[in-house]
Every structure is written in structure tokens, then in C-alpha cells.
Amino acid sequence: MTATDQYASVRYLVQDVRTAIDFYTTHLGFTVNTDVAPAFADVVRGPLRLLLSGPASSGARATPDDVASAGRNRIHLVFDDLDSEIARLRDAGLTFRSDVVSGPGGHQILLADPDGNLVELFQPAR
């Protein structure tokens, strides 16, 4: 088993790898694993390895144009105190793509990275 086998990996296509690194490390608690910007970087948070592929990366070039836009898929990050996270991120100047939605499983809100890739911030029901 290699080190990357310890993670579930998700690829996000980004226009500026450095901007994406800064977003995920500054605001969402990721750490840099690999940085070969401007082509590619990967950042890690717990068992999630987020692959940030710039326009020059092989991952971005392999994506057909008709499926290259961001969709409803998103990574899902769990927090103990969603209200505090929302306040902290708003204080940092970030805007959300949804209001808080509550359901039987908990509360969630959607945030977009600088390229429009969605991040779901979630607090499980107690």
C-alpha cells in the first residue's frame, strides 16, 4: 500500500492552482501534500485527498469539454459547530451558494471554491 492508498481522492479542475491551495488550506483546514503549481497540487484533510488540477495538468486535459463544468457533486466536510464555521468564513469574506438547510440527518450549507467547485459544510444531528 502506498501513502495515497490511505486516502479517498477527488479531483477538482481549477484555473489557478495556487489560488485553490490558498483557499483550501487557509479556510478549510487542508494541508499541502504535493505542490507542482501551476499544473497540479494535492491537499489533504483527514482521509480526503483533493487533487487540484490546473489547465496544464493531464487530469484537466483528459476531461471532455461537454462535462468540464462544475456540477451538483461536491466534497462533504463535517464540522462540530456549523454556525461558528459559517461566521468564521463570512468574516474572511467568503460567500455561500445556499442558505443553511436542515433535515433529519443534520444541517448543511454550500460554499464554492474560487472556480465554482462546491464544498458542503455539514453538522450531523445530535
N, C-alpha and C. Protein backbone atom coordinates (compact mmCIF):
# COMPACT_ATOMS: atom_id res chain seq x y z
N MET A 1 0.85 -1.18 0.00
CA MET A 1 0.00 0.00 0.00
C MET A 1 0.89 1.24 0.00
N THR A 2 0.57 2.18 -0.89
CA THR A 2 1.30 3.44 -0.92
C THR A 2 0.60 4.46 -0.05
N ALA A 3 1.27 5.57 0.20
CA ALA A 3 0.68 6.62 1.05
C ALA A 3 -0.65 7.11 0.49
N THR A 4 -0.76 7.23 -0.84
CA THR A 4 -2.01 7.74 -1.41
C THR A 4 -3.15 6.73 -1.29
N ASP A 5 -2.86 5.45 -1.05
CA ASP A 5 -3.91 4.46 -0.85
C ASP A 5 -4.65 4.67 0.46
N GLN A 6 -4.12 5.49 1.34
CA GLN A 6 -4.75 5.76 2.63
C GLN A 6 -5.86 6.79 2.51
N TYR A 7 -6.03 7.37 1.34
CA TYR A 7 -6.98 8.46 1.14
C TYR A 7 -8.04 8.10 0.10
N ALA A 8 -9.20 8.72 0.25
CA ALA A 8 -10.16 8.77 -0.84
C ALA A 8 -9.82 10.06 -1.60
N SER A 9 -9.60 9.95 -2.90
CA SER A 9 -9.18 11.10 -3.70
C SER A 9 -10.30 11.59 -4.59
N VAL A 10 -10.43 12.91 -4.66
CA VAL A 10 -11.40 13.58 -5.53
C VAL A 10 -10.63 14.62 -6.33
N ARG A 11 -10.90 14.70 -7.64
CA ARG A 11 -10.23 15.68 -8.48
C ARG A 11 -11.15 16.86 -8.73
N TYR A 12 -10.64 18.07 -8.48
CA TYR A 12 -11.32 19.29 -8.85
C TYR A 12 -10.48 20.00 -9.90
N LEU A 13 -11.12 20.43 -10.98
CA LEU A 13 -10.45 21.21 -12.01
C LEU A 13 -10.50 22.67 -11.59
N VAL A 14 -9.33 23.31 -11.62
CA VAL A 14 -9.22 24.71 -11.18
C VAL A 14 -8.47 25.51 -12.23
N GLN A 15 -8.71 26.80 -12.26
CA GLN A 15 -7.99 27.68 -13.20
C GLN A 15 -6.64 28.11 -12.66
N ASP A 16 -6.53 28.25 -11.34
CA ASP A 16 -5.29 28.72 -10.72
C ASP A 16 -5.01 27.83 -9.50
N VAL A 17 -4.02 26.97 -9.64
CA VAL A 17 -3.71 26.00 -8.60
C VAL A 17 -3.31 26.71 -7.30
N ARG A 18 -2.51 27.75 -7.40
CA ARG A 18 -2.06 28.48 -6.21
C ARG A 18 -3.25 29.07 -5.44
N THR A 19 -4.20 29.66 -6.16
CA THR A 19 -5.40 30.22 -5.52
C THR A 19 -6.20 29.11 -4.83
N ALA A 20 -6.31 27.96 -5.48
CA ALA A 20 -7.04 26.84 -4.90
C ALA A 20 -6.34 26.32 -3.64
N ILE A 21 -5.02 26.19 -3.69
CA ILE A 21 -4.26 25.77 -2.50
C ILE A 21 -4.55 26.73 -1.34
N ASP A 22 -4.45 28.01 -1.61
CA ASP A 22 -4.67 29.01 -0.56
C ASP A 22 -6.08 28.90 0.02
N PHE A 23 -7.09 28.71 -0.85
CA PHE A 23 -8.47 28.60 -0.39
C PHE A 23 -8.64 27.42 0.56
N TYR A 24 -8.21 26.25 0.14
CA TYR A 24 -8.43 25.05 0.94
C TYR A 24 -7.58 25.01 2.21
N THR A 25 -6.35 25.50 2.15
CA THR A 25 -5.51 25.48 3.35
C THR A 25 -5.87 26.59 4.32
N THR A 26 -6.18 27.77 3.83
CA THR A 26 -6.49 28.91 4.70
C THR A 26 -7.86 28.77 5.35
N HIS A 27 -8.85 28.33 4.60
CA HIS A 27 -10.22 28.38 5.08
C HIS A 27 -10.80 27.06 5.57
N LEU A 28 -10.29 25.92 5.06
CA LEU A 28 -10.97 24.66 5.34
C LEU A 28 -10.08 23.60 6.00
N GLY A 29 -8.90 23.98 6.46
CA GLY A 29 -8.08 23.07 7.25
C GLY A 29 -7.34 21.99 6.50
N PHE A 30 -7.15 22.14 5.20
CA PHE A 30 -6.36 21.18 4.44
C PHE A 30 -4.87 21.50 4.60
N THR A 31 -4.02 20.51 4.38
CA THR A 31 -2.58 20.71 4.33
C THR A 31 -2.08 20.27 2.96
N VAL A 32 -0.99 20.89 2.51
CA VAL A 32 -0.43 20.58 1.20
C VAL A 32 0.33 19.27 1.27
N ASN A 33 0.03 18.38 0.33
CA ASN A 33 0.74 17.11 0.20
C ASN A 33 1.76 17.20 -0.93
N THR A 34 1.33 17.68 -2.09
CA THR A 34 2.18 17.85 -3.27
C THR A 34 1.87 19.19 -3.90
N ASP A 35 2.91 19.91 -4.31
CA ASP A 35 2.70 21.22 -4.94
C ASP A 35 3.63 21.33 -6.13
N VAL A 36 3.08 21.17 -7.33
CA VAL A 36 3.82 21.40 -8.57
C VAL A 36 3.05 22.42 -9.41
N ALA A 37 2.56 23.45 -8.69
CA ALA A 37 1.84 24.54 -9.35
C ALA A 37 2.75 25.16 -10.39
N PRO A 38 2.22 25.59 -11.52
CA PRO A 38 0.80 25.85 -11.77
C PRO A 38 0.00 24.67 -12.31
N ALA A 39 0.63 23.52 -12.54
CA ALA A 39 -0.09 22.40 -13.14
C ALA A 39 -0.98 21.65 -12.15
N PHE A 40 -0.46 21.35 -10.97
CA PHE A 40 -1.15 20.42 -10.09
C PHE A 40 -0.70 20.60 -8.64
N ALA A 41 -1.61 20.27 -7.74
CA ALA A 41 -1.28 20.12 -6.32
C ALA A 41 -2.30 19.17 -5.73
N ASP A 42 -1.96 18.59 -4.60
CA ASP A 42 -2.98 17.89 -3.84
C ASP A 42 -2.87 18.31 -2.39
N VAL A 43 -4.06 18.44 -1.79
CA VAL A 43 -4.17 18.85 -0.40
C VAL A 43 -4.96 17.77 0.33
N VAL A 44 -4.70 17.66 1.63
CA VAL A 44 -5.25 16.56 2.42
C VAL A 44 -5.94 17.11 3.66
N ARG A 45 -7.08 16.50 3.96
CA ARG A 45 -7.79 16.77 5.22
C ARG A 45 -8.36 15.45 5.68
N GLY A 46 -7.81 14.92 6.76
CA GLY A 46 -8.25 13.60 7.22
C GLY A 46 -8.01 12.57 6.13
N PRO A 47 -9.01 11.75 5.82
CA PRO A 47 -8.85 10.73 4.79
C PRO A 47 -9.13 11.21 3.36
N LEU A 48 -9.36 12.52 3.19
CA LEU A 48 -9.67 13.07 1.87
C LEU A 48 -8.43 13.70 1.24
N ARG A 49 -8.11 13.27 0.06
CA ARG A 49 -7.03 13.86 -0.74
C ARG A 49 -7.71 14.55 -1.92
N LEU A 50 -7.61 15.88 -1.96
CA LEU A 50 -8.24 16.67 -3.00
C LEU A 50 -7.18 17.02 -4.05
N LEU A 51 -7.40 16.53 -5.26
CA LEU A 51 -6.48 16.76 -6.37
C LEU A 51 -6.90 18.05 -7.07
N LEU A 52 -6.02 19.02 -7.09
CA LEU A 52 -6.30 20.33 -7.69
C LEU A 52 -5.56 20.38 -9.02
N SER A 53 -6.30 20.21 -10.11
CA SER A 53 -5.70 20.12 -11.43
C SER A 53 -5.91 21.39 -12.23
N GLY A 54 -4.81 22.08 -12.54
CA GLY A 54 -4.85 23.28 -13.36
C GLY A 54 -4.98 22.93 -14.83
N PRO A 55 -5.15 23.94 -15.69
CA PRO A 55 -5.35 23.71 -17.12
C PRO A 55 -4.23 22.90 -17.78
N ALA A 56 -3.00 22.98 -17.27
CA ALA A 56 -1.88 22.26 -17.88
C ALA A 56 -1.75 20.82 -17.38
N SER A 57 -2.55 20.42 -16.41
CA SER A 57 -2.43 19.07 -15.85
C SER A 57 -3.05 18.04 -16.79
N SER A 58 -2.56 16.82 -16.69
CA SER A 58 -3.12 15.75 -17.52
C SER A 58 -4.58 15.48 -17.15
N GLY A 59 -4.92 15.63 -15.87
CA GLY A 59 -6.31 15.40 -15.44
C GLY A 59 -7.28 16.35 -16.09
N ALA A 60 -6.88 17.61 -16.24
CA ALA A 60 -7.76 18.60 -16.88
C ALA A 60 -7.84 18.37 -18.38
N ARG A 61 -6.73 18.02 -18.97
CA ARG A 61 -6.72 17.81 -20.43
C ARG A 61 -7.53 16.59 -20.83
N ALA A 62 -7.67 15.63 -19.92
CA ALA A 62 -8.40 14.40 -20.25
C ALA A 62 -9.91 14.57 -20.14
N THR A 63 -10.38 15.69 -19.65
CA THR A 63 -11.81 15.90 -19.45
C THR A 63 -12.44 16.50 -20.71
N PRO A 64 -13.44 15.80 -21.30
CA PRO A 64 -14.12 16.36 -22.47
C PRO A 64 -14.83 17.66 -22.13
N ASP A 65 -14.86 18.58 -23.07
CA ASP A 65 -15.46 19.90 -22.84
C ASP A 65 -16.92 19.82 -22.38
N ASP A 66 -17.67 18.84 -22.86
CA ASP A 66 -19.10 18.79 -22.52
C ASP A 66 -19.36 18.32 -21.08
N VAL A 67 -18.33 17.90 -20.36
CA VAL A 67 -18.52 17.52 -18.95
C VAL A 67 -17.58 18.28 -18.02
N ALA A 68 -16.94 19.34 -18.51
CA ALA A 68 -15.90 20.02 -17.75
C ALA A 68 -16.43 21.04 -16.75
N SER A 69 -17.70 21.37 -16.78
CA SER A 69 -18.19 22.38 -15.84
C SER A 69 -18.53 21.75 -14.49
N ALA A 70 -18.51 22.59 -13.46
CA ALA A 70 -18.85 22.11 -12.13
C ALA A 70 -20.31 21.68 -12.09
N GLY A 71 -20.61 20.64 -11.36
CA GLY A 71 -21.98 20.14 -11.27
C GLY A 71 -22.49 20.17 -9.86
N ARG A 72 -23.43 19.30 -9.58
CA ARG A 72 -24.02 19.24 -8.25
C ARG A 72 -23.19 18.39 -7.30
N ASN A 73 -22.20 17.67 -7.82
CA ASN A 73 -21.32 16.89 -6.96
C ASN A 73 -20.47 17.81 -6.12
N ARG A 74 -20.09 17.33 -4.93
CA ARG A 74 -19.29 18.17 -4.05
C ARG A 74 -18.60 17.31 -3.01
N ILE A 75 -17.54 17.87 -2.44
CA ILE A 75 -16.96 17.20 -1.29
C ILE A 75 -17.78 17.59 -0.07
N HIS A 76 -17.71 16.78 0.95
CA HIS A 76 -18.56 16.89 2.13
C HIS A 76 -17.64 16.93 3.35
N LEU A 77 -17.61 18.06 4.05
CA LEU A 77 -16.76 18.21 5.23
C LEU A 77 -17.64 18.34 6.46
N VAL A 78 -17.30 17.61 7.50
CA VAL A 78 -18.10 17.57 8.72
C VAL A 78 -17.48 18.50 9.77
N PHE A 79 -18.34 19.27 10.43
CA PHE A 79 -17.93 20.20 11.48
C PHE A 79 -18.79 19.98 12.71
N ASP A 80 -18.22 20.23 13.88
CA ASP A 80 -18.96 20.11 15.14
C ASP A 80 -19.88 21.29 15.39
N ASP A 81 -19.49 22.47 14.90
CA ASP A 81 -20.26 23.69 15.14
C ASP A 81 -20.37 24.46 13.82
N LEU A 82 -21.39 24.13 13.05
CA LEU A 82 -21.57 24.73 11.73
C LEU A 82 -21.75 26.24 11.81
N ASP A 83 -22.50 26.72 12.77
CA ASP A 83 -22.72 28.17 12.89
C ASP A 83 -21.41 28.93 13.06
N SER A 84 -20.51 28.40 13.89
CA SER A 84 -19.20 29.05 14.08
C SER A 84 -18.39 29.05 12.80
N GLU A 85 -18.43 27.95 12.06
CA GLU A 85 -17.70 27.87 10.79
C GLU A 85 -18.25 28.87 9.78
N ILE A 86 -19.55 28.96 9.71
CA ILE A 86 -20.18 29.92 8.78
C ILE A 86 -19.75 31.34 9.14
N ALA A 87 -19.80 31.68 10.41
CA ALA A 87 -19.41 33.03 10.85
C ALA A 87 -17.94 33.29 10.53
N ARG A 88 -17.08 32.31 10.80
CA ARG A 88 -15.65 32.47 10.54
C ARG A 88 -15.38 32.69 9.05
N LEU A 89 -16.04 31.92 8.21
CA LEU A 89 -15.83 32.03 6.77
C LEU A 89 -16.43 33.32 6.21
N ARG A 90 -17.56 33.74 6.72
CA ARG A 90 -18.14 35.04 6.31
C ARG A 90 -17.22 36.18 6.73
N ASP A 91 -16.66 36.09 7.94
CA ASP A 91 -15.72 37.11 8.41
C ASP A 91 -14.48 37.17 7.52
N ALA A 92 -14.14 36.05 6.90
CA ALA A 92 -13.00 36.00 5.98
C ALA A 92 -13.36 36.50 4.58
N GLY A 93 -14.63 36.91 4.40
CA GLY A 93 -15.06 37.46 3.12
C GLY A 93 -15.60 36.45 2.13
N LEU A 94 -15.84 35.23 2.56
CA LEU A 94 -16.37 34.22 1.65
C LEU A 94 -17.89 34.29 1.63
N THR A 95 -18.47 33.95 0.49
CA THR A 95 -19.92 33.93 0.36
C THR A 95 -20.38 32.50 0.08
N PHE A 96 -21.57 32.22 0.51
CA PHE A 96 -22.12 30.88 0.38
C PHE A 96 -23.05 30.79 -0.83
N ARG A 97 -23.22 29.59 -1.35
CA ARG A 97 -24.07 29.35 -2.52
C ARG A 97 -25.46 28.90 -2.12
N SER A 98 -25.71 28.72 -0.83
CA SER A 98 -27.03 28.33 -0.36
C SER A 98 -27.23 28.87 1.05
N ASP A 99 -28.44 28.78 1.51
CA ASP A 99 -28.73 29.03 2.91
C ASP A 99 -28.50 27.71 3.65
N VAL A 100 -28.53 27.76 4.96
CA VAL A 100 -28.45 26.53 5.75
C VAL A 100 -29.71 25.72 5.50
N VAL A 101 -29.54 24.45 5.23
CA VAL A 101 -30.65 23.52 5.03
C VAL A 101 -30.61 22.52 6.17
N SER A 102 -31.77 22.33 6.81
CA SER A 102 -31.86 21.38 7.92
C SER A 102 -32.70 20.20 7.51
N GLY A 103 -32.27 19.03 7.94
CA GLY A 103 -33.01 17.81 7.67
C GLY A 103 -32.82 16.83 8.81
N PRO A 104 -33.34 15.63 8.65
CA PRO A 104 -33.25 14.66 9.75
C PRO A 104 -31.80 14.26 10.08
N GLY A 105 -30.90 14.38 9.12
CA GLY A 105 -29.51 13.99 9.36
C GLY A 105 -28.63 15.09 9.91
N GLY A 106 -29.10 16.34 9.82
CA GLY A 106 -28.30 17.45 10.31
C GLY A 106 -28.53 18.71 9.51
N HIS A 107 -27.53 19.59 9.52
CA HIS A 107 -27.60 20.89 8.84
C HIS A 107 -26.45 20.98 7.85
N GLN A 108 -26.69 21.66 6.73
CA GLN A 108 -25.65 21.83 5.73
C GLN A 108 -25.79 23.17 5.04
N ILE A 109 -24.66 23.60 4.46
CA ILE A 109 -24.62 24.82 3.66
C ILE A 109 -23.58 24.59 2.58
N LEU A 110 -23.78 25.22 1.42
CA LEU A 110 -22.85 25.06 0.31
C LEU A 110 -21.97 26.29 0.15
N LEU A 111 -20.70 26.04 -0.02
CA LEU A 111 -19.68 27.04 -0.28
C LEU A 111 -19.06 26.67 -1.63
N ALA A 112 -18.66 27.65 -2.41
CA ALA A 112 -17.97 27.36 -3.67
C ALA A 112 -16.53 27.82 -3.56
N ASP A 113 -15.62 27.03 -4.14
CA ASP A 113 -14.22 27.47 -4.19
C ASP A 113 -14.09 28.53 -5.28
N PRO A 114 -12.91 29.11 -5.48
CA PRO A 114 -12.77 30.18 -6.47
C PRO A 114 -13.15 29.77 -7.91
N ASP A 115 -13.22 28.46 -8.18
CA ASP A 115 -13.58 28.00 -9.53
C ASP A 115 -15.01 27.48 -9.61
N GLY A 116 -15.77 27.63 -8.53
CA GLY A 116 -17.16 27.20 -8.54
C GLY A 116 -17.39 25.76 -8.11
N ASN A 117 -16.32 25.03 -7.75
CA ASN A 117 -16.48 23.68 -7.23
C ASN A 117 -17.13 23.77 -5.85
N LEU A 118 -18.14 22.94 -5.63
CA LEU A 118 -18.90 23.03 -4.39
C LEU A 118 -18.25 22.27 -3.24
N VAL A 119 -18.41 22.84 -2.06
CA VAL A 119 -17.98 22.23 -0.81
C VAL A 119 -19.18 22.29 0.13
N GLU A 120 -19.62 21.13 0.60
CA GLU A 120 -20.72 21.07 1.55
C GLU A 120 -20.15 21.04 2.96
N LEU A 121 -20.54 22.01 3.76
CA LEU A 121 -20.17 22.03 5.18
C LEU A 121 -21.36 21.45 5.94
N PHE A 122 -21.12 20.47 6.77
CA PHE A 122 -22.20 19.68 7.36
C PHE A 122 -21.98 19.50 8.86
N GLN A 123 -23.07 19.63 9.60
CA GLN A 123 -23.08 19.29 11.03
C GLN A 123 -24.14 18.23 11.26
N PRO A 124 -23.73 17.04 11.71
CA PRO A 124 -24.72 15.98 11.94
C PRO A 124 -25.69 16.34 13.05
N ALA A 125 -26.89 15.79 12.96
CA ALA A 125 -27.87 15.96 14.03
C ALA A 125 -27.31 15.31 15.30
N ARG A 126 -27.63 15.88 16.41
CA ARG A 126 -27.12 15.34 17.69
C ARG A 126 -28.01 14.25 18.20
